[in-house]
Amino acid sequence: MVRHVVMFRLEGSPEEVSSAARQFKEALEALPAVIDELEAMEVGINANPAEQWHVVLTATLPDMAAVATYAAHPAHVACTRLIAGVKRARACVDYEL
């Protein structure tokens, strides 16, 4: 099993960041229904304005091959396009359970 943890830092006005984060969260949360490799996914929007990261996702997948399949899946790629214009940074850690 692999835990896939990704954080996103967005840029723009507070309203733009909030709207993009909400749309991104909703789109990501729909992925387990269409990507078989996703065993579980949780997406959170940071409630602490003192922090610099806006969205975090935690997913559980069977192995690193499944992570690659998930990353290339058209539904996932479509999600990434939702924040392409406001994404400032991305950080990722994949670790084995």
PDB file of N, CA and C in Angstrom:
ATOM      1  N   MET A   1       0.843  -1.181   0.000  1.00  0.00           N
ATOM      2  CA  MET A   1       0.000   0.000   0.000  1.00  0.00           C
ATOM      3  C   MET A   1       0.888   1.244   0.000  1.00  0.00           C
ATOM      4  N   VAL A   2       0.406   2.264  -0.681  1.00  0.00           N
ATOM      5  CA  VAL A   2       1.119   3.528  -0.761  1.00  0.00           C
ATOM      6  C   VAL A   2       0.185   4.653  -0.336  1.00  0.00           C
ATOM      7  N   ARG A   3       0.700   5.529   0.498  1.00  0.00           N
ATOM      8  CA  ARG A   3      -0.015   6.748   0.840  1.00  0.00           C
ATOM      9  C   ARG A   3       0.586   7.857  -0.015  1.00  0.00           C
ATOM     10  N   HIS A   4      -0.274   8.547  -0.744  1.00  0.00           N
ATOM     11  CA  HIS A   4       0.105   9.626  -1.659  1.00  0.00           C
ATOM     12  C   HIS A   4      -0.410  10.922  -1.047  1.00  0.00           C
ATOM     13  N   VAL A   5       0.518  11.803  -0.636  1.00  0.00           N
ATOM     14  CA  VAL A   5       0.155  13.045   0.030  1.00  0.00           C
ATOM     15  C   VAL A   5       0.671  14.204  -0.823  1.00  0.00           C
ATOM     16  N   VAL A   6      -0.229  15.108  -1.189  1.00  0.00           N
ATOM     17  CA  VAL A   6       0.145  16.230  -2.042  1.00  0.00           C
ATOM     18  C   VAL A   6      -0.427  17.516  -1.451  1.00  0.00           C
ATOM     19  N   MET A   7       0.420  18.560  -1.410  1.00  0.00           N
ATOM     20  CA  MET A   7      -0.023  19.877  -0.959  1.00  0.00           C
ATOM     21  C   MET A   7       0.115  20.859  -2.114  1.00  0.00           C
ATOM     22  N   PHE A   8      -0.814  21.799  -2.174  1.00  0.00           N
ATOM     23  CA  PHE A   8      -0.827  22.798  -3.237  1.00  0.00           C
ATOM     24  C   PHE A   8      -0.865  24.187  -2.633  1.00  0.00           C
ATOM     25  N   ARG A   9      -0.044  25.062  -3.164  1.00  0.00           N
ATOM     26  CA  ARG A   9      -0.070  26.477  -2.811  1.00  0.00           C
ATOM     27  C   ARG A   9      -0.636  27.206  -4.024  1.00  0.00           C
ATOM     28  N   LEU A  10      -1.679  27.984  -3.789  1.00  0.00           N
ATOM     29  CA  LEU A  10      -2.346  28.710  -4.867  1.00  0.00           C
ATOM     30  C   LEU A  10      -2.035  30.194  -4.757  1.00  0.00           C
ATOM     31  N   GLU A  11      -2.255  30.911  -5.856  1.00  0.00           N
ATOM     32  CA  GLU A  11      -2.047  32.353  -5.834  1.00  0.00           C
ATOM     33  C   GLU A  11      -3.252  33.055  -6.435  1.00  0.00           C
ATOM     34  N   GLY A  12      -3.406  34.314  -6.062  1.00  0.00           N
ATOM     35  CA  GLY A  12      -4.536  35.109  -6.514  1.00  0.00           C
ATOM     36  C   GLY A  12      -5.165  35.800  -5.334  1.00  0.00           C
ATOM     37  N   SER A  13      -6.272  36.473  -5.595  1.00  0.00           N
ATOM     38  CA  SER A  13      -6.991  37.135  -4.498  1.00  0.00           C
ATOM     39  C   SER A  13      -7.556  36.054  -3.579  1.00  0.00           C
ATOM     40  N   PRO A  14      -7.886  36.429  -2.350  1.00  0.00           N
ATOM     41  CA  PRO A  14      -8.480  35.435  -1.450  1.00  0.00           C
ATOM     42  C   PRO A  14      -9.722  34.760  -2.052  1.00  0.00           C
ATOM     43  N   GLU A  15     -10.520  35.532  -2.773  1.00  0.00           N
ATOM     44  CA  GLU A  15     -11.718  34.971  -3.395  1.00  0.00           C
ATOM     45  C   GLU A  15     -11.353  33.979  -4.498  1.00  0.00           C
ATOM     46  N   GLU A  16     -10.352  34.317  -5.308  1.00  0.00           N
ATOM     47  CA  GLU A  16      -9.910  33.421  -6.384  1.00  0.00           C
ATOM     48  C   GLU A  16      -9.338  32.124  -5.817  1.00  0.00           C
ATOM     49  N   VAL A  17      -8.520  32.253  -4.789  1.00  0.00           N
ATOM     50  CA  VAL A  17      -7.924  31.070  -4.160  1.00  0.00           C
ATOM     51  C   VAL A  17      -9.012  30.199  -3.553  1.00  0.00           C
ATOM     52  N   SER A  18      -9.948  30.802  -2.850  1.00  0.00           N
ATOM     53  CA  SER A  18     -11.025  30.050  -2.214  1.00  0.00           C
ATOM     54  C   SER A  18     -11.882  29.327  -3.245  1.00  0.00           C
ATOM     55  N   SER A  19     -12.246  30.017  -4.312  1.00  0.00           N
ATOM     56  CA  SER A  19     -13.065  29.410  -5.359  1.00  0.00           C
ATOM     57  C   SER A  19     -12.330  28.272  -6.048  1.00  0.00           C
ATOM     58  N   ALA A  20     -11.079  28.483  -6.398  1.00  0.00           N
ATOM     59  CA  ALA A  20     -10.294  27.444  -7.067  1.00  0.00           C
ATOM     60  C   ALA A  20     -10.112  26.237  -6.150  1.00  0.00           C
ATOM     61  N   ALA A  21      -9.845  26.481  -4.878  1.00  0.00           N
ATOM     62  CA  ALA A  21      -9.654  25.381  -3.928  1.00  0.00           C
ATOM     63  C   ALA A  21     -10.929  24.553  -3.794  1.00  0.00           C
ATOM     64  N   ARG A  22     -12.078  25.210  -3.703  1.00  0.00           N
ATOM     65  CA  ARG A  22     -13.353  24.487  -3.575  1.00  0.00           C
ATOM     66  C   ARG A  22     -13.642  23.651  -4.823  1.00  0.00           C
ATOM     67  N   GLN A  23     -13.456  24.236  -6.000  1.00  0.00           N
ATOM     68  CA  GLN A  23     -13.706  23.500  -7.248  1.00  0.00           C
ATOM     69  C   GLN A  23     -12.757  22.307  -7.376  1.00  0.00           C
ATOM     70  N   PHE A  24     -11.503  22.522  -7.037  1.00  0.00           N
ATOM     71  CA  PHE A  24     -10.499  21.471  -7.105  1.00  0.00           C
ATOM     72  C   PHE A  24     -10.850  20.338  -6.141  1.00  0.00           C
ATOM     73  N   LYS A  25     -11.234  20.687  -4.917  1.00  0.00           N
ATOM     74  CA  LYS A  25     -11.611  19.696  -3.900  1.00  0.00           C
ATOM     75  C   LYS A  25     -12.783  18.841  -4.388  1.00  0.00           C
ATOM     76  N   GLU A  26     -13.812  19.487  -4.901  1.00  0.00           N
ATOM     77  CA  GLU A  26     -14.981  18.752  -5.381  1.00  0.00           C
ATOM     78  C   GLU A  26     -14.618  17.805  -6.520  1.00  0.00           C
ATOM     79  N   ALA A  27     -13.792  18.271  -7.439  1.00  0.00           N
ATOM     80  CA  ALA A  27     -13.390  17.424  -8.575  1.00  0.00           C
ATOM     81  C   ALA A  27     -12.550  16.244  -8.101  1.00  0.00           C
ATOM     82  N   LEU A  28     -11.616  16.493  -7.187  1.00  0.00           N
ATOM     83  CA  LEU A  28     -10.775  15.404  -6.678  1.00  0.00           C
ATOM     84  C   LEU A  28     -11.607  14.360  -5.935  1.00  0.00           C
ATOM     85  N   GLU A  29     -12.565  14.818  -5.153  1.00  0.00           N
ATOM     86  CA  GLU A  29     -13.372  13.889  -4.361  1.00  0.00           C
ATOM     87  C   GLU A  29     -14.236  12.978  -5.227  1.00  0.00           C
ATOM     88  N   ALA A  30     -14.442  13.342  -6.477  1.00  0.00           N
ATOM     89  CA  ALA A  30     -15.203  12.493  -7.398  1.00  0.00           C
ATOM     90  C   ALA A  30     -14.339  11.389  -8.018  1.00  0.00           C
ATOM     91  N   LEU A  31     -13.029  11.494  -7.896  1.00  0.00           N
ATOM     92  CA  LEU A  31     -12.136  10.551  -8.577  1.00  0.00           C
ATOM     93  C   LEU A  31     -12.237   9.092  -8.116  1.00  0.00           C
ATOM     94  N   PRO A  32     -12.411   8.792  -6.837  1.00  0.00           N
ATOM     95  CA  PRO A  32     -12.488   7.381  -6.454  1.00  0.00           C
ATOM     96  C   PRO A  32     -13.612   6.607  -7.163  1.00  0.00           C
ATOM     97  N   ALA A  33     -14.634   7.301  -7.589  1.00  0.00           N
ATOM     98  CA  ALA A  33     -15.738   6.637  -8.304  1.00  0.00           C
ATOM     99  C   ALA A  33     -15.359   6.263  -9.735  1.00  0.00           C
ATOM    100  N   VAL A  34     -14.312   6.900 -10.275  1.00  0.00           N
ATOM    101  CA  VAL A  34     -13.947   6.647 -11.671  1.00  0.00           C
ATOM    102  C   VAL A  34     -12.543   6.072 -11.856  1.00  0.00           C
ATOM    103  N   ILE A  35     -11.720   6.097 -10.821  1.00  0.00           N
ATOM    104  CA  ILE A  35     -10.371   5.543 -10.910  1.00  0.00           C
ATOM    105  C   ILE A  35     -10.274   4.378  -9.935  1.00  0.00           C
ATOM    106  N   ASP A  36     -10.284   3.174 -10.480  1.00  0.00           N
ATOM    107  CA  ASP A  36     -10.316   1.966  -9.660  1.00  0.00           C
ATOM    108  C   ASP A  36      -9.143   1.850  -8.693  1.00  0.00           C
ATOM    109  N   GLU A  37      -7.990   2.369  -9.067  1.00  0.00           N
ATOM    110  CA  GLU A  37      -6.799   2.237  -8.231  1.00  0.00           C
ATOM    111  C   GLU A  37      -6.892   3.019  -6.919  1.00  0.00           C
ATOM    112  N   LEU A  38      -7.744   4.019  -6.871  1.00  0.00           N
ATOM    113  CA  LEU A  38      -7.889   4.821  -5.645  1.00  0.00           C
ATOM    114  C   LEU A  38      -8.713   4.061  -4.619  1.00  0.00           C
ATOM    115  N   GLU A  39      -8.055   3.618  -3.573  1.00  0.00           N
ATOM    116  CA  GLU A  39      -8.758   2.896  -2.512  1.00  0.00           C
ATOM    117  C   GLU A  39      -9.417   3.862  -1.530  1.00  0.00           C
ATOM    118  N   ALA A  40      -8.803   5.012  -1.353  1.00  0.00           N
ATOM    119  CA  ALA A  40      -9.359   6.041  -0.468  1.00  0.00           C
ATOM    120  C   ALA A  40      -8.742   7.380  -0.837  1.00  0.00           C
ATOM    121  N   MET A  41      -9.512   8.436  -0.619  1.00  0.00           N
ATOM    122  CA  MET A  41      -8.987   9.785  -0.856  1.00  0.00           C
ATOM    123  C   MET A  41      -9.676  10.750   0.088  1.00  0.00           C
ATOM    124  N   GLU A  42      -8.872  11.652   0.637  1.00  0.00           N
ATOM    125  CA  GLU A  42      -9.388  12.725   1.477  1.00  0.00           C
ATOM    126  C   GLU A  42      -8.756  14.017   0.974  1.00  0.00           C
ATOM    127  N   VAL A  43      -9.558  15.066   0.861  1.00  0.00           N
ATOM    128  CA  VAL A  43      -9.066  16.354   0.384  1.00  0.00           C
ATOM    129  C   VAL A  43      -9.487  17.413   1.399  1.00  0.00           C
ATOM    130  N   GLY A  44      -8.520  18.247   1.788  1.00  0.00           N
ATOM    131  CA  GLY A  44      -8.815  19.301   2.752  1.00  0.00           C
ATOM    132  C   GLY A  44      -8.370  20.660   2.255  1.00  0.00           C
ATOM    133  N   ILE A  45      -9.124  21.673   2.630  1.00  0.00           N
ATOM    134  CA  ILE A  45      -8.766  23.060   2.351  1.00  0.00           C
ATOM    135  C   ILE A  45      -8.304  23.670   3.672  1.00  0.00           C
ATOM    136  N   ASN A  46      -7.138  24.273   3.652  1.00  0.00           N
ATOM    137  CA  ASN A  46      -6.542  24.819   4.862  1.00  0.00           C
ATOM    138  C   ASN A  46      -7.425  25.918   5.458  1.00  0.00           C
ATOM    139  N   ALA A  47      -7.736  25.798   6.732  1.00  0.00           N
ATOM    140  CA  ALA A  47      -8.545  26.788   7.429  1.00  0.00           C
ATOM    141  C   ALA A  47      -7.688  27.814   8.168  1.00  0.00           C
ATOM    142  N   ASN A  48      -6.366  27.626   8.161  1.00  0.00           N
ATOM    143  CA  ASN A  48      -5.466  28.496   8.899  1.00  0.00           C
ATOM    144  C   ASN A  48      -4.841  29.526   7.959  1.00  0.00           C
ATOM    145  N   PRO A  49      -5.274  30.776   8.023  1.00  0.00           N
ATOM    146  CA  PRO A  49      -4.754  31.792   7.098  1.00  0.00           C
ATOM    147  C   PRO A  49      -3.283  32.130   7.316  1.00  0.00           C
ATOM    148  N   ALA A  50      -2.712  31.711   8.431  1.00  0.00           N
ATOM    149  CA  ALA A  50      -1.300  31.976   8.696  1.00  0.00           C
ATOM    150  C   ALA A  50      -0.381  31.017   7.938  1.00  0.00           C
ATOM    151  N   GLU A  51      -0.932  29.962   7.369  1.00  0.00           N
ATOM    152  CA  GLU A  51      -0.134  28.975   6.640  1.00  0.00           C
ATOM    153  C   GLU A  51      -0.141  29.277   5.147  1.00  0.00           C
ATOM    154  N   GLN A  52       0.851  28.727   4.439  1.00  0.00           N
ATOM    155  CA  GLN A  52       1.031  29.056   3.032  1.00  0.00           C
ATOM    156  C   GLN A  52       0.512  27.998   2.065  1.00  0.00           C
ATOM    157  N   TRP A  53       0.120  26.848   2.540  1.00  0.00           N
ATOM    158  CA  TRP A  53      -0.411  25.795   1.668  1.00  0.00           C
ATOM    159  C   TRP A  53      -1.927  25.821   1.762  1.00  0.00           C
ATOM    160  N   HIS A  54      -2.603  25.666   0.628  1.00  0.00           N
ATOM    161  CA  HIS A  54      -4.053  25.849   0.587  1.00  0.00           C
ATOM    162  C   HIS A  54      -4.860  24.562   0.530  1.00  0.00           C
ATOM    163  N   VAL A  55      -4.363  23.570  -0.191  1.00  0.00           N
ATOM    164  CA  VAL A  55      -5.110  22.321  -0.376  1.00  0.00           C
ATOM    165  C   VAL A  55      -4.170  21.156  -0.117  1.00  0.00           C
ATOM    166  N   VAL A  56      -4.687  20.125   0.529  1.00  0.00           N
ATOM    167  CA  VAL A  56      -3.927  18.895   0.720  1.00  0.00           C
ATOM    168  C   VAL A  56      -4.814  17.721   0.326  1.00  0.00           C
ATOM    169  N   LEU A  57      -4.204  16.762  -0.341  1.00  0.00           N
ATOM    170  CA  LEU A  57      -4.933  15.528  -0.631  1.00  0.00           C
ATOM    171  C   LEU A  57      -4.118  14.365  -0.117  1.00  0.00           C
ATOM    172  N   THR A  58      -4.818  13.401   0.428  1.00  0.00           N
ATOM    173  CA  THR A  58      -4.209  12.167   0.906  1.00  0.00           C
ATOM    174  C   THR A  58      -4.965  11.026   0.253  1.00  0.00           C
ATOM    175  N   ALA A  59      -4.239  10.195  -0.477  1.00  0.00           N
ATOM    176  CA  ALA A  59      -4.868   9.070  -1.172  1.00  0.00           C
ATOM    177  C   ALA A  59      -4.142   7.785  -0.795  1.00  0.00           C
ATOM    178  N   THR A  60      -4.876   6.694  -0.820  1.00  0.00           N
ATOM    179  CA  THR A  60      -4.303   5.373  -0.584  1.00  0.00           C
ATOM    180  C   THR A  60      -4.479   4.558  -1.846  1.00  0.00           C
ATOM    181  N   LEU A  61      -3.356   3.993  -2.307  1.00  0.00           N
ATOM    182  CA  LEU A  61      -3.346   3.186  -3.527  1.00  0.00           C
ATOM    183  C   LEU A  61      -2.562   1.906  -3.259  1.00  0.00           C
ATOM    184  N   PRO A  62      -2.765   0.867  -4.078  1.00  0.00           N
ATOM    185  CA  PRO A  62      -2.113  -0.418  -3.798  1.00  0.00           C
ATOM    186  C   PRO A  62      -0.591  -0.404  -3.907  1.00  0.00           C
ATOM    187  N   ASP A  63      -0.041   0.348  -4.863  1.00  0.00           N
ATOM    188  CA  ASP A  63       1.405   0.337  -5.089  1.00  0.00           C
ATOM    189  C   ASP A  63       1.790   1.541  -5.944  1.00  0.00           C
ATOM    190  N   MET A  64       3.088   1.700  -6.189  1.00  0.00           N
ATOM    191  CA  MET A  64       3.558   2.854  -6.967  1.00  0.00           C
ATOM    192  C   MET A  64       3.080   2.806  -8.418  1.00  0.00           C
ATOM    193  N   ALA A  65       2.888   1.611  -8.966  1.00  0.00           N
ATOM    194  CA  ALA A  65       2.343   1.505 -10.323  1.00  0.00           C
ATOM    195  C   ALA A  65       0.931   2.098 -10.365  1.00  0.00           C
ATOM    196  N   ALA A  66       0.167   1.891  -9.306  1.00  0.00           N
ATOM    197  CA  ALA A  66      -1.184   2.456  -9.232  1.00  0.00           C
ATOM    198  C   ALA A  66      -1.131   3.982  -9.115  1.00  0.00           C
ATOM    199  N   VAL A  67      -0.120   4.497  -8.428  1.00  0.00           N
ATOM    200  CA  VAL A  67       0.047   5.952  -8.338  1.00  0.00           C
ATOM    201  C   VAL A  67       0.274   6.528  -9.736  1.00  0.00           C
ATOM    202  N   ALA A  68       1.108   5.867 -10.520  1.00  0.00           N
ATOM    203  CA  ALA A  68       1.381   6.327 -11.886  1.00  0.00           C
ATOM    204  C   ALA A  68       0.130   6.251 -12.755  1.00  0.00           C
ATOM    205  N   THR A  69      -0.645   5.184 -12.606  1.00  0.00           N
ATOM    206  CA  THR A  69      -1.894   5.041 -13.366  1.00  0.00           C
ATOM    207  C   THR A  69      -2.868   6.147 -12.992  1.00  0.00           C
ATOM    208  N   TYR A  70      -3.000   6.405 -11.705  1.00  0.00           N
ATOM    209  CA  TYR A  70      -3.867   7.482 -11.211  1.00  0.00           C
ATOM    210  C   TYR A  70      -3.426   8.833 -11.766  1.00  0.00           C
ATOM    211  N   ALA A  71      -2.127   9.100 -11.714  1.00  0.00           N
ATOM    212  CA  ALA A  71      -1.609  10.401 -12.158  1.00  0.00           C
ATOM    213  C   ALA A  71      -1.884  10.653 -13.640  1.00  0.00           C
ATOM    214  N   ALA A  72      -1.858   9.601 -14.445  1.00  0.00           N
ATOM    215  CA  ALA A  72      -2.050   9.745 -15.889  1.00  0.00           C
ATOM    216  C   ALA A  72      -3.511   9.627 -16.317  1.00  0.00           C
ATOM    217  N   HIS A  73      -4.386   9.246 -15.409  1.00  0.00           N
ATOM    218  CA  HIS A  73      -5.797   9.046 -15.747  1.00  0.00           C
ATOM    219  C   HIS A  73      -6.410  10.367 -16.237  1.00  0.00           C
ATOM    220  N   PRO A  74      -7.173  10.330 -17.323  1.00  0.00           N
ATOM    221  CA  PRO A  74      -7.773  11.571 -17.869  1.00  0.00           C
ATOM    222  C   PRO A  74      -8.614  12.356 -16.860  1.00  0.00           C
ATOM    223  N   ALA A  75      -9.299  11.680 -15.965  1.00  0.00           N
ATOM    224  CA  ALA A  75     -10.109  12.397 -14.969  1.00  0.00           C
ATOM    225  C   ALA A  75      -9.211  13.163 -13.996  1.00  0.00           C
ATOM    226  N   HIS A  76      -8.094  12.574 -13.630  1.00  0.00           N
ATOM    227  CA  HIS A  76      -7.144  13.260 -12.751  1.00  0.00           C
ATOM    228  C   HIS A  76      -6.492  14.439 -13.478  1.00  0.00           C
ATOM    229  N   VAL A  77      -6.099  14.222 -14.719  1.00  0.00           N
ATOM    230  CA  VAL A  77      -5.498  15.297 -15.508  1.00  0.00           C
ATOM    231  C   VAL A  77      -6.469  16.473 -15.630  1.00  0.00           C
ATOM    232  N   ALA A  78      -7.742  16.176 -15.808  1.00  0.00           N
ATOM    233  CA  ALA A  78      -8.751  17.241 -15.888  1.00  0.00           C
ATOM    234  C   ALA A  78      -8.810  18.032 -14.582  1.00  0.00           C
ATOM    235  N   CYS A  79      -8.666  17.354 -13.452  1.00  0.00           N
ATOM    236  CA  CYS A  79      -8.650  18.048 -12.157  1.00  0.00           C
ATOM    237  C   CYS A  79      -7.470  19.001 -12.075  1.00  0.00           C
ATOM    238  N   THR A  80      -6.305  18.558 -12.518  1.00  0.00           N
ATOM    239  CA  THR A  80      -5.124  19.410 -12.420  1.00  0.00           C
ATOM    240  C   THR A  80      -5.272  20.673 -13.265  1.00  0.00           C
ATOM    241  N   ARG A  81      -6.009  20.564 -14.340  1.00  0.00           N
ATOM    242  CA  ARG A  81      -6.230  21.739 -15.198  1.00  0.00           C
ATOM    243  C   ARG A  81      -7.066  22.809 -14.507  1.00  0.00           C
ATOM    244  N   LEU A  82      -7.885  22.390 -13.543  1.00  0.00           N
ATOM    245  CA  LEU A  82      -8.738  23.346 -12.827  1.00  0.00           C
ATOM    246  C   LEU A  82      -7.921  24.395 -12.075  1.00  0.00           C
ATOM    247  N   ILE A  83      -6.732  24.012 -11.603  1.00  0.00           N
ATOM    248  CA  ILE A  83      -5.930  24.958 -10.829  1.00  0.00           C
ATOM    249  C   ILE A  83      -4.663  25.390 -11.567  1.00  0.00           C
ATOM    250  N   ALA A  84      -4.514  24.987 -12.804  1.00  0.00           N
ATOM    251  CA  ALA A  84      -3.288  25.295 -13.544  1.00  0.00           C
ATOM    252  C   ALA A  84      -2.963  26.786 -13.541  1.00  0.00           C
ATOM    253  N   GLY A  85      -3.957  27.630 -13.642  1.00  0.00           N
ATOM    254  CA  GLY A  85      -3.723  29.068 -13.701  1.00  0.00           C
ATOM    255  C   GLY A  85      -3.419  29.718 -12.366  1.00  0.00           C
ATOM    256  N   VAL A  86      -3.687  29.011 -11.267  1.00  0.00           N
ATOM    257  CA  VAL A  86      -3.465  29.601  -9.942  1.00  0.00           C
ATOM    258  C   VAL A  86      -2.494  28.796  -9.085  1.00  0.00           C
ATOM    259  N   LYS A  87      -2.006  27.671  -9.587  1.00  0.00           N
ATOM    260  CA  LYS A  87      -1.077  26.840  -8.807  1.00  0.00           C
ATOM    261  C   LYS A  87       0.286  27.498  -8.767  1.00  0.00           C
ATOM    262  N   ARG A  88       0.748  27.776  -7.572  1.00  0.00           N
ATOM    263  CA  ARG A  88       2.072  28.380  -7.393  1.00  0.00           C
ATOM    264  C   ARG A  88       3.121  27.332  -7.068  1.00  0.00           C
ATOM    265  N   ALA A  89       2.738  26.315  -6.279  1.00  0.00           N
ATOM    266  CA  ALA A  89       3.686  25.282  -5.883  1.00  0.00           C
ATOM    267  C   ALA A  89       2.940  24.002  -5.548  1.00  0.00           C
ATOM    268  N   ARG A  90       3.681  22.900  -5.647  1.00  0.00           N
ATOM    269  CA  ARG A  90       3.145  21.574  -5.332  1.00  0.00           C
ATOM    270  C   ARG A  90       4.240  20.815  -4.598  1.00  0.00           C
ATOM    271  N   ALA A  91       3.857  20.110  -3.547  1.00  0.00           N
ATOM    272  CA  ALA A  91       4.786  19.249  -2.815  1.00  0.00           C
ATOM    273  C   ALA A  91       4.130  17.888  -2.657  1.00  0.00           C
ATOM    274  N   CYS A  92       4.924  16.829  -2.827  1.00  0.00           N
ATOM    275  CA  CYS A  92       4.359  15.483  -2.798  1.00  0.00           C
ATOM    276  C   CYS A  92       5.287  14.542  -2.046  1.00  0.00           C
ATOM    277  N   VAL A  93       4.669  13.634  -1.289  1.00  0.00           N
ATOM    278  CA  VAL A  93       5.383  12.530  -0.635  1.00  0.00           C
ATOM    279  C   VAL A  93       4.552  11.276  -0.870  1.00  0.00           C
ATOM    280  N   ASP A  94       5.212  10.221  -1.349  1.00  0.00           N
ATOM    281  CA  ASP A  94       4.590   8.906  -1.489  1.00  0.00           C
ATOM    282  C   ASP A  94       5.357   7.964  -0.562  1.00  0.00           C
ATOM    283  N   TYR A  95       4.637   7.328   0.346  1.00  0.00           N
ATOM    284  CA  TYR A  95       5.343   6.414   1.250  1.00  0.00           C
ATOM    285  C   TYR A  95       4.560   5.108   1.367  1.00  0.00           C
ATOM    286  N   GLU A  96       5.308   4.042   1.642  1.00  0.00           N
ATOM    287  CA  GLU A  96       4.694   2.730   1.759  1.00  0.00           C
ATOM    288  C   GLU A  96       4.147   2.526   3.164  1.00  0.00           C
ATOM    289  N   LEU A  97       2.991   1.909   3.220  1.00  0.00           N
ATOM    290  CA  LEU A  97       2.348   1.616   4.502  1.00  0.00           C
ATOM    291  C   LEU A  97       2.756   0.231   4.971  1.00  0.00           C
TER     292      LEU A  97
END
